[in-house]
Amino acid sequence: MNVREQLLQEALKLSVADQTYLAQSLADHLIACLPQSVREIDGTTPDEFSQELLRRSAAYQTGDAISRPAGEWLAEFRARQQGERAN
C-alpha cells in the first residue's frame, strides 16, 4: 500500500465531522493553488467557486446532472477556446 492509500485509509477512519473538515480544508487548499486567472473566472470568489463545485457534485451524485467523458468535454472546451481566440 502506498502513502496515498494509507492516508486515505486513515482519513476514512475519522468521524464524519472530521472527514468533512478534512475535505473542506483540502478543497480550500486546492482552490487557493489555482492560478489567479482560474480562481476569478467571471469575478467568482473562491467561496462561490467552492459552492458551485459542491452543488455540481451533489447534482451528479443524485443523478440530476448530465455527465460525459472528460476527454470529450475537454476537446469541445479547447475547440471553443480556439474559436474565441480566432475571433
PDB file of N, CA and C in Angstrom:
ATOM      1  N   MET A   1       0.860  -1.174   0.000  1.00  0.00           N
ATOM      2  CA  MET A   1       0.000   0.000   0.000  1.00  0.00           C
ATOM      3  C   MET A   1       0.904   1.235   0.000  1.00  0.00           C
ATOM      4  N   ASN A   2       0.625   2.161  -0.919  1.00  0.00           N
ATOM      5  CA  ASN A   2       1.455   3.367  -0.985  1.00  0.00           C
ATOM      6  C   ASN A   2       0.957   4.412   0.011  1.00  0.00           C
ATOM      7  N   VAL A   3       1.688   5.507   0.108  1.00  0.00           N
ATOM      8  CA  VAL A   3       1.385   6.547   1.094  1.00  0.00           C
ATOM      9  C   VAL A   3      -0.012   7.121   0.890  1.00  0.00           C
ATOM     10  N   ARG A   4      -0.396   7.368  -0.359  1.00  0.00           N
ATOM     11  CA  ARG A   4      -1.726   7.931  -0.619  1.00  0.00           C
ATOM     12  C   ARG A   4      -2.824   7.004  -0.125  1.00  0.00           C
ATOM     13  N   GLU A   5      -2.663   5.717  -0.406  1.00  0.00           N
ATOM     14  CA  GLU A   5      -3.670   4.753   0.037  1.00  0.00           C
ATOM     15  C   GLU A   5      -3.720   4.679   1.560  1.00  0.00           C
ATOM     16  N   GLN A   6      -2.558   4.767   2.206  1.00  0.00           N
ATOM     17  CA  GLN A   6      -2.514   4.764   3.667  1.00  0.00           C
ATOM     18  C   GLN A   6      -3.225   5.989   4.241  1.00  0.00           C
ATOM     19  N   LEU A   7      -2.948   7.150   3.640  1.00  0.00           N
ATOM     20  CA  LEU A   7      -3.617   8.376   4.095  1.00  0.00           C
ATOM     21  C   LEU A   7      -5.125   8.269   3.932  1.00  0.00           C
ATOM     22  N   LEU A   8      -5.549   7.737   2.807  1.00  0.00           N
ATOM     23  CA  LEU A   8      -6.981   7.579   2.571  1.00  0.00           C
ATOM     24  C   LEU A   8      -7.599   6.656   3.608  1.00  0.00           C
ATOM     25  N   GLN A   9      -6.966   5.544   3.859  1.00  0.00           N
ATOM     26  CA  GLN A   9      -7.497   4.605   4.847  1.00  0.00           C
ATOM     27  C   GLN A   9      -7.584   5.245   6.230  1.00  0.00           C
ATOM     28  N   GLU A  10      -6.601   6.029   6.595  1.00  0.00           N
ATOM     29  CA  GLU A  10      -6.629   6.732   7.885  1.00  0.00           C
ATOM     30  C   GLU A  10      -7.749   7.771   7.905  1.00  0.00           C
ATOM     31  N   ALA A  11      -7.911   8.497   6.804  1.00  0.00           N
ATOM     32  CA  ALA A  11      -8.966   9.511   6.730  1.00  0.00           C
ATOM     33  C   ALA A  11     -10.350   8.870   6.835  1.00  0.00           C
ATOM     34  N   LEU A  12     -10.522   7.694   6.263  1.00  0.00           N
ATOM     35  CA  LEU A  12     -11.818   7.017   6.306  1.00  0.00           C
ATOM     36  C   LEU A  12     -12.169   6.522   7.704  1.00  0.00           C
ATOM     37  N   LYS A  13     -11.187   6.437   8.577  1.00  0.00           N
ATOM     38  CA  LYS A  13     -11.428   6.038   9.969  1.00  0.00           C
ATOM     39  C   LYS A  13     -11.917   7.215  10.818  1.00  0.00           C
ATOM     40  N   LEU A  14     -11.789   8.423  10.305  1.00  0.00           N
ATOM     41  CA  LEU A  14     -12.204   9.609  11.049  1.00  0.00           C
ATOM     42  C   LEU A  14     -13.730   9.690  11.133  1.00  0.00           C
ATOM     43  N   SER A  15     -14.208  10.464  12.077  1.00  0.00           N
ATOM     44  CA  SER A  15     -15.652  10.708  12.172  1.00  0.00           C
ATOM     45  C   SER A  15     -16.104  11.476  10.927  1.00  0.00           C
ATOM     46  N   VAL A  16     -17.393  11.465  10.670  1.00  0.00           N
ATOM     47  CA  VAL A  16     -17.931  12.198   9.523  1.00  0.00           C
ATOM     48  C   VAL A  16     -17.592  13.681   9.643  1.00  0.00           C
ATOM     49  N   ALA A  17     -17.691  14.224  10.845  1.00  0.00           N
ATOM     50  CA  ALA A  17     -17.374  15.643  11.046  1.00  0.00           C
ATOM     51  C   ALA A  17     -15.912  15.927  10.704  1.00  0.00           C
ATOM     52  N   ASP A  18     -15.017  15.045  11.128  1.00  0.00           N
ATOM     53  CA  ASP A  18     -13.596  15.238  10.827  1.00  0.00           C
ATOM     54  C   ASP A  18     -13.306  15.031   9.342  1.00  0.00           C
ATOM     55  N   GLN A  19     -14.000  14.084   8.725  1.00  0.00           N
ATOM     56  CA  GLN A  19     -13.835  13.884   7.276  1.00  0.00           C
ATOM     57  C   GLN A  19     -14.311  15.119   6.522  1.00  0.00           C
ATOM     58  N   THR A  20     -15.412  15.701   6.972  1.00  0.00           N
ATOM     59  CA  THR A  20     -15.936  16.911   6.345  1.00  0.00           C
ATOM     60  C   THR A  20     -14.934  18.045   6.465  1.00  0.00           C
ATOM     61  N   TYR A  21     -14.380  18.211   7.651  1.00  0.00           N
ATOM     62  CA  TYR A  21     -13.376  19.255   7.877  1.00  0.00           C
ATOM     63  C   TYR A  21     -12.165  19.030   6.969  1.00  0.00           C
ATOM     64  N   LEU A  22     -11.700  17.806   6.893  1.00  0.00           N
ATOM     65  CA  LEU A  22     -10.540  17.480   6.063  1.00  0.00           C
ATOM     66  C   LEU A  22     -10.837  17.744   4.584  1.00  0.00           C
ATOM     67  N   ALA A  23     -12.002  17.319   4.128  1.00  0.00           N
ATOM     68  CA  ALA A  23     -12.378  17.526   2.725  1.00  0.00           C
ATOM     69  C   ALA A  23     -12.467  19.010   2.392  1.00  0.00           C
ATOM     70  N   GLN A  24     -13.089  19.789   3.284  1.00  0.00           N
ATOM     71  CA  GLN A  24     -13.213  21.226   3.041  1.00  0.00           C
ATOM     72  C   GLN A  24     -11.850  21.896   3.060  1.00  0.00           C
ATOM     73  N   SER A  25     -10.992  21.484   3.977  1.00  0.00           N
ATOM     74  CA  SER A  25      -9.643  22.058   4.051  1.00  0.00           C
ATOM     75  C   SER A  25      -8.851  21.755   2.787  1.00  0.00           C
ATOM     76  N   LEU A  26      -8.964  20.519   2.301  1.00  0.00           N
ATOM     77  CA  LEU A  26      -8.267  20.164   1.058  1.00  0.00           C
ATOM     78  C   LEU A  26      -8.839  20.931  -0.136  1.00  0.00           C
ATOM     79  N   ALA A  27     -10.155  21.060  -0.195  1.00  0.00           N
ATOM     80  CA  ALA A  27     -10.779  21.814  -1.290  1.00  0.00           C
ATOM     81  C   ALA A  27     -10.320  23.265  -1.254  1.00  0.00           C
ATOM     82  N   ASP A  28     -10.307  23.860  -0.064  1.00  0.00           N
ATOM     83  CA  ASP A  28      -9.840  25.248   0.062  1.00  0.00           C
ATOM     84  C   ASP A  28      -8.399  25.384  -0.395  1.00  0.00           C
ATOM     85  N   HIS A  29      -7.567  24.424  -0.011  1.00  0.00           N
ATOM     86  CA  HIS A  29      -6.149  24.458  -0.399  1.00  0.00           C
ATOM     87  C   HIS A  29      -5.994  24.336  -1.917  1.00  0.00           C
ATOM     88  N   LEU A  30      -6.731  23.392  -2.503  1.00  0.00           N
ATOM     89  CA  LEU A  30      -6.627  23.194  -3.952  1.00  0.00           C
ATOM     90  C   LEU A  30      -7.098  24.427  -4.713  1.00  0.00           C
ATOM     91  N   ILE A  31      -8.173  25.032  -4.262  1.00  0.00           N
ATOM     92  CA  ILE A  31      -8.671  26.247  -4.911  1.00  0.00           C
ATOM     93  C   ILE A  31      -7.656  27.374  -4.776  1.00  0.00           C
ATOM     94  N   ALA A  32      -7.037  27.487  -3.597  1.00  0.00           N
ATOM     95  CA  ALA A  32      -6.028  28.526  -3.385  1.00  0.00           C
ATOM     96  C   ALA A  32      -4.804  28.319  -4.266  1.00  0.00           C
ATOM     97  N   CYS A  33      -4.543  27.079  -4.660  1.00  0.00           N
ATOM     98  CA  CYS A  33      -3.384  26.772  -5.505  1.00  0.00           C
ATOM     99  C   CYS A  33      -3.647  27.028  -6.990  1.00  0.00           C
ATOM    100  N   LEU A  34      -4.909  27.244  -7.352  1.00  0.00           N
ATOM    101  CA  LEU A  34      -5.225  27.519  -8.757  1.00  0.00           C
ATOM    102  C   LEU A  34      -4.642  28.867  -9.158  1.00  0.00           C
ATOM    103  N   PRO A  35      -4.242  28.995 -10.427  1.00  0.00           N
ATOM    104  CA  PRO A  35      -3.775  30.309 -10.893  1.00  0.00           C
ATOM    105  C   PRO A  35      -4.864  31.358 -10.703  1.00  0.00           C
ATOM    106  N   GLN A  36      -4.468  32.575 -10.482  1.00  0.00           N
ATOM    107  CA  GLN A  36      -5.408  33.675 -10.250  1.00  0.00           C
ATOM    108  C   GLN A  36      -6.454  33.761 -11.358  1.00  0.00           C
ATOM    109  N   SER A  37      -6.035  33.558 -12.604  1.00  0.00           N
ATOM    110  CA  SER A  37      -6.968  33.669 -13.730  1.00  0.00           C
ATOM    111  C   SER A  37      -8.077  32.628 -13.650  1.00  0.00           C
ATOM    112  N   VAL A  38      -7.786  31.467 -13.076  1.00  0.00           N
ATOM    113  CA  VAL A  38      -8.798  30.418 -12.943  1.00  0.00           C
ATOM    114  C   VAL A  38      -9.677  30.687 -11.733  1.00  0.00           C
ATOM    115  N   ARG A  39      -9.090  31.165 -10.646  1.00  0.00           N
ATOM    116  CA  ARG A  39      -9.846  31.412  -9.419  1.00  0.00           C
ATOM    117  C   ARG A  39     -10.871  32.514  -9.583  1.00  0.00           C
ATOM    118  N   GLU A  40     -10.633  33.440 -10.488  1.00  0.00           N
ATOM    119  CA  GLU A  40     -11.527  34.588 -10.626  1.00  0.00           C
ATOM    120  C   GLU A  40     -12.288  34.581 -11.945  1.00  0.00           C
ATOM    121  N   ILE A  41     -12.699  33.412 -12.367  1.00  0.00           N
ATOM    122  CA  ILE A  41     -13.470  33.297 -13.592  1.00  0.00           C
ATOM    123  C   ILE A  41     -14.761  34.094 -13.431  1.00  0.00           C
ATOM    124  N   ASP A  42     -14.967  35.041 -14.302  1.00  0.00           N
ATOM    125  CA  ASP A  42     -16.162  35.885 -14.273  1.00  0.00           C
ATOM    126  C   ASP A  42     -16.405  36.507 -12.902  1.00  0.00           C
ATOM    127  N   GLY A  43     -15.325  36.853 -12.185  1.00  0.00           N
ATOM    128  CA  GLY A  43     -15.465  37.512 -10.897  1.00  0.00           C
ATOM    129  C   GLY A  43     -15.925  36.602  -9.774  1.00  0.00           C
ATOM    130  N   THR A  44     -15.854  35.288  -9.961  1.00  0.00           N
ATOM    131  CA  THR A  44     -16.277  34.344  -8.939  1.00  0.00           C
ATOM    132  C   THR A  44     -15.241  34.272  -7.827  1.00  0.00           C
ATOM    133  N   THR A  45     -15.689  34.388  -6.594  1.00  0.00           N
ATOM    134  CA  THR A  45     -14.780  34.286  -5.456  1.00  0.00           C
ATOM    135  C   THR A  45     -14.488  32.810  -5.175  1.00  0.00           C
ATOM    136  N   PRO A  46     -13.415  32.520  -4.440  1.00  0.00           N
ATOM    137  CA  PRO A  46     -13.131  31.124  -4.084  1.00  0.00           C
ATOM    138  C   PRO A  46     -14.301  30.456  -3.351  1.00  0.00           C
ATOM    139  N   ASP A  47     -14.998  31.190  -2.488  1.00  0.00           N
ATOM    140  CA  ASP A  47     -16.146  30.613  -1.783  1.00  0.00           C
ATOM    141  C   ASP A  47     -17.273  30.262  -2.755  1.00  0.00           C
ATOM    142  N   GLU A  48     -17.528  31.140  -3.704  1.00  0.00           N
ATOM    143  CA  GLU A  48     -18.576  30.878  -4.700  1.00  0.00           C
ATOM    144  C   GLU A  48     -18.173  29.691  -5.582  1.00  0.00           C
ATOM    145  N   PHE A  49     -16.889  29.632  -5.927  1.00  0.00           N
ATOM    146  CA  PHE A  49     -16.367  28.530  -6.741  1.00  0.00           C
ATOM    147  C   PHE A  49     -16.549  27.218  -5.987  1.00  0.00           C
ATOM    148  N   SER A  50     -16.202  27.217  -4.719  1.00  0.00           N
ATOM    149  CA  SER A  50     -16.346  26.030  -3.883  1.00  0.00           C
ATOM    150  C   SER A  50     -17.803  25.602  -3.788  1.00  0.00           C
ATOM    151  N   GLN A  51     -18.703  26.558  -3.579  1.00  0.00           N
ATOM    152  CA  GLN A  51     -20.130  26.246  -3.502  1.00  0.00           C
ATOM    153  C   GLN A  51     -20.643  25.662  -4.817  1.00  0.00           C
ATOM    154  N   GLU A  52     -20.149  26.178  -5.929  1.00  0.00           N
ATOM    155  CA  GLU A  52     -20.564  25.652  -7.231  1.00  0.00           C
ATOM    156  C   GLU A  52     -20.070  24.219  -7.405  1.00  0.00           C
ATOM    157  N   LEU A  53     -18.845  23.940  -6.969  1.00  0.00           N
ATOM    158  CA  LEU A  53     -18.333  22.570  -7.035  1.00  0.00           C
ATOM    159  C   LEU A  53     -19.198  21.631  -6.196  1.00  0.00           C
ATOM    160  N   LEU A  54     -19.554  22.066  -5.002  1.00  0.00           N
ATOM    161  CA  LEU A  54     -20.397  21.242  -4.137  1.00  0.00           C
ATOM    162  C   LEU A  54     -21.776  21.024  -4.754  1.00  0.00           C
ATOM    163  N   ARG A  55     -22.340  22.081  -5.345  1.00  0.00           N
ATOM    164  CA  ARG A  55     -23.655  21.964  -5.986  1.00  0.00           C
ATOM    165  C   ARG A  55     -23.605  20.966  -7.128  1.00  0.00           C
ATOM    166  N   ARG A  56     -22.578  21.083  -7.950  1.00  0.00           N
ATOM    167  CA  ARG A  56     -22.455  20.176  -9.096  1.00  0.00           C
ATOM    168  C   ARG A  56     -22.199  18.739  -8.656  1.00  0.00           C
ATOM    169  N   SER A  57     -21.394  18.580  -7.627  1.00  0.00           N
ATOM    170  CA  SER A  57     -21.125  17.245  -7.102  1.00  0.00           C
ATOM    171  C   SER A  57     -22.405  16.597  -6.591  1.00  0.00           C
ATOM    172  N   ALA A  58     -23.196  17.360  -5.858  1.00  0.00           N
ATOM    173  CA  ALA A  58     -24.462  16.841  -5.338  1.00  0.00           C
ATOM    174  C   ALA A  58     -25.399  16.472  -6.481  1.00  0.00           C
ATOM    175  N   ALA A  59     -25.467  17.310  -7.496  1.00  0.00           N
ATOM    176  CA  ALA A  59     -26.331  17.037  -8.649  1.00  0.00           C
ATOM    177  C   ALA A  59     -25.886  15.762  -9.366  1.00  0.00           C
ATOM    178  N   TYR A  60     -24.592  15.567  -9.472  1.00  0.00           N
ATOM    179  CA  TYR A  60     -24.065  14.355 -10.115  1.00  0.00           C
ATOM    180  C   TYR A  60     -24.426  13.125  -9.285  1.00  0.00           C
ATOM    181  N   GLN A  61     -24.236  13.218  -7.977  1.00  0.00           N
ATOM    182  CA  GLN A  61     -24.487  12.080  -7.098  1.00  0.00           C
ATOM    183  C   GLN A  61     -25.957  11.682  -7.062  1.00  0.00           C
ATOM    184  N   THR A  62     -26.856  12.640  -7.237  1.00  0.00           N
ATOM    185  CA  THR A  62     -28.285  12.331  -7.226  1.00  0.00           C
ATOM    186  C   THR A  62     -28.814  11.982  -8.609  1.00  0.00           C
ATOM    187  N   GLY A  63     -27.961  12.070  -9.619  1.00  0.00           N
ATOM    188  CA  GLY A  63     -28.387  11.749 -10.979  1.00  0.00           C
ATOM    189  C   GLY A  63     -29.065  12.902 -11.696  1.00  0.00           C
ATOM    190  N   ASP A  64     -29.018  14.090 -11.105  1.00  0.00           N
ATOM    191  CA  ASP A  64     -29.653  15.260 -11.719  1.00  0.00           C
ATOM    192  C   ASP A  64     -28.756  15.963 -12.729  1.00  0.00           C
ATOM    193  N   ALA A  65     -27.502  15.560 -12.803  1.00  0.00           N
ATOM    194  CA  ALA A  65     -26.567  16.204 -13.727  1.00  0.00           C
ATOM    195  C   ALA A  65     -26.273  15.269 -14.893  1.00  0.00           C
ATOM    196  N   ILE A  66     -26.077  15.856 -16.021  1.00  0.00           N
ATOM    197  CA  ILE A  66     -25.688  15.083 -17.197  1.00  0.00           C
ATOM    198  C   ILE A  66     -24.166  14.985 -17.185  1.00  0.00           C
ATOM    199  N   SER A  67     -23.660  13.787 -17.333  1.00  0.00           N
ATOM    200  CA  SER A  67     -22.206  13.629 -17.348  1.00  0.00           C
ATOM    201  C   SER A  67     -21.775  13.052 -18.685  1.00  0.00           C
ATOM    202  N   ARG A  68     -20.530  13.295 -18.991  1.00  0.00           N
ATOM    203  CA  ARG A  68     -19.949  12.729 -20.203  1.00  0.00           C
ATOM    204  C   ARG A  68     -18.459  12.590 -19.972  1.00  0.00           C
ATOM    205  N   PRO A  69     -17.779  11.834 -20.803  1.00  0.00           N
ATOM    206  CA  PRO A  69     -16.352  11.603 -20.585  1.00  0.00           C
ATOM    207  C   PRO A  69     -15.565  12.914 -20.572  1.00  0.00           C
ATOM    208  N   ALA A  70     -14.618  13.005 -19.662  1.00  0.00           N
ATOM    209  CA  ALA A  70     -13.824  14.221 -19.509  1.00  0.00           C
ATOM    210  C   ALA A  70     -13.082  14.573 -20.800  1.00  0.00           C
ATOM    211  N   GLY A  71     -12.554  13.583 -21.478  1.00  0.00           N
ATOM    212  CA  GLY A  71     -11.832  13.834 -22.725  1.00  0.00           C
ATOM    213  C   GLY A  71     -12.708  14.478 -23.788  1.00  0.00           C
ATOM    214  N   GLU A  72     -13.948  14.027 -23.861  1.00  0.00           N
ATOM    215  CA  GLU A  72     -14.905  14.595 -24.827  1.00  0.00           C
ATOM    216  C   GLU A  72     -15.186  16.057 -24.484  1.00  0.00           C
ATOM    217  N   TRP A  73     -15.463  16.322 -23.203  1.00  0.00           N
ATOM    218  CA  TRP A  73     -15.750  17.686 -22.777  1.00  0.00           C
ATOM    219  C   TRP A  73     -14.543  18.579 -22.994  1.00  0.00           C
ATOM    220  N   LEU A  74     -13.347  18.092 -22.651  1.00  0.00           N
ATOM    221  CA  LEU A  74     -12.136  18.889 -22.776  1.00  0.00           C
ATOM    222  C   LEU A  74     -11.854  19.227 -24.239  1.00  0.00           C
ATOM    223  N   ALA A  75     -12.058  18.276 -25.145  1.00  0.00           N
ATOM    224  CA  ALA A  75     -11.849  18.541 -26.572  1.00  0.00           C
ATOM    225  C   ALA A  75     -12.806  19.629 -27.056  1.00  0.00           C
ATOM    226  N   GLU A  76     -14.060  19.560 -26.625  1.00  0.00           N
ATOM    227  CA  GLU A  76     -15.039  20.575 -27.015  1.00  0.00           C
ATOM    228  C   GLU A  76     -14.672  21.942 -26.423  1.00  0.00           C
ATOM    229  N   PHE A  77     -14.248  21.946 -25.166  1.00  0.00           N
ATOM    230  CA  PHE A  77     -13.853  23.181 -24.499  1.00  0.00           C
ATOM    231  C   PHE A  77     -12.671  23.830 -25.216  1.00  0.00           C
ATOM    232  N   ARG A  78     -11.668  23.032 -25.561  1.00  0.00           N
ATOM    233  CA  ARG A  78     -10.485  23.570 -26.245  1.00  0.00           C
ATOM    234  C   ARG A  78     -10.854  24.106 -27.628  1.00  0.00           C
ATOM    235  N   ALA A  79     -11.726  23.421 -28.327  1.00  0.00           N
ATOM    236  CA  ALA A  79     -12.167  23.882 -29.641  1.00  0.00           C
ATOM    237  C   ALA A  79     -12.908  25.211 -29.513  1.00  0.00           C
ATOM    238  N   ARG A  80     -13.741  25.314 -28.482  1.00  0.00           N
ATOM    239  CA  ARG A  80     -14.474  26.555 -28.247  1.00  0.00           C
ATOM    240  C   ARG A  80     -13.520  27.695 -27.917  1.00  0.00           C
ATOM    241  N   GLN A  81     -12.492  27.418 -27.125  1.00  0.00           N
ATOM    242  CA  GLN A  81     -11.492  28.432 -26.798  1.00  0.00           C
ATOM    243  C   GLN A  81     -10.742  28.878 -28.034  1.00  0.00           C
ATOM    244  N   GLN A  82     -10.381  27.933 -28.879  1.00  0.00           N
ATOM    245  CA  GLN A  82      -9.664  28.278 -30.111  1.00  0.00           C
ATOM    246  C   GLN A  82     -10.527  29.173 -30.997  1.00  0.00           C
ATOM    247  N   GLY A  83     -11.817  28.854 -31.065  1.00  0.00           N
ATOM    248  CA  GLY A  83     -12.735  29.659 -31.862  1.00  0.00           C
ATOM    249  C   GLY A  83     -12.865  31.071 -31.325  1.00  0.00           C
ATOM    250  N   GLU A  84     -12.885  31.205 -30.009  1.00  0.00           N
ATOM    251  CA  GLU A  84     -12.983  32.530 -29.395  1.00  0.00           C
ATOM    252  C   GLU A  84     -11.711  33.336 -29.629  1.00  0.00           C
ATOM    253  N   ARG A  85     -10.580  32.692 -29.596  1.00  0.00           N
ATOM    254  CA  ARG A  85      -9.303  33.387 -29.824  1.00  0.00           C
ATOM    255  C   ARG A  85      -9.177  33.844 -31.271  1.00  0.00           C
ATOM    256  N   ALA A  86      -9.762  33.074 -32.183  1.00  0.00           N
ATOM    257  CA  ALA A  86      -9.684  33.411 -33.588  1.00  0.00           C
ATOM    258  C   ALA A  86     -10.543  34.624 -33.931  1.00  0.00           C
ATOM    259  N   ASN A  87     -11.567  34.860 -33.139  1.00  0.00           N
ATOM    260  CA  ASN A  87     -12.474  35.999 -33.393  1.00  0.00           C
ATOM    261  C   ASN A  87     -11.939  37.228 -32.847  1.00  0.00           C
TER     262      ASN A  87
END
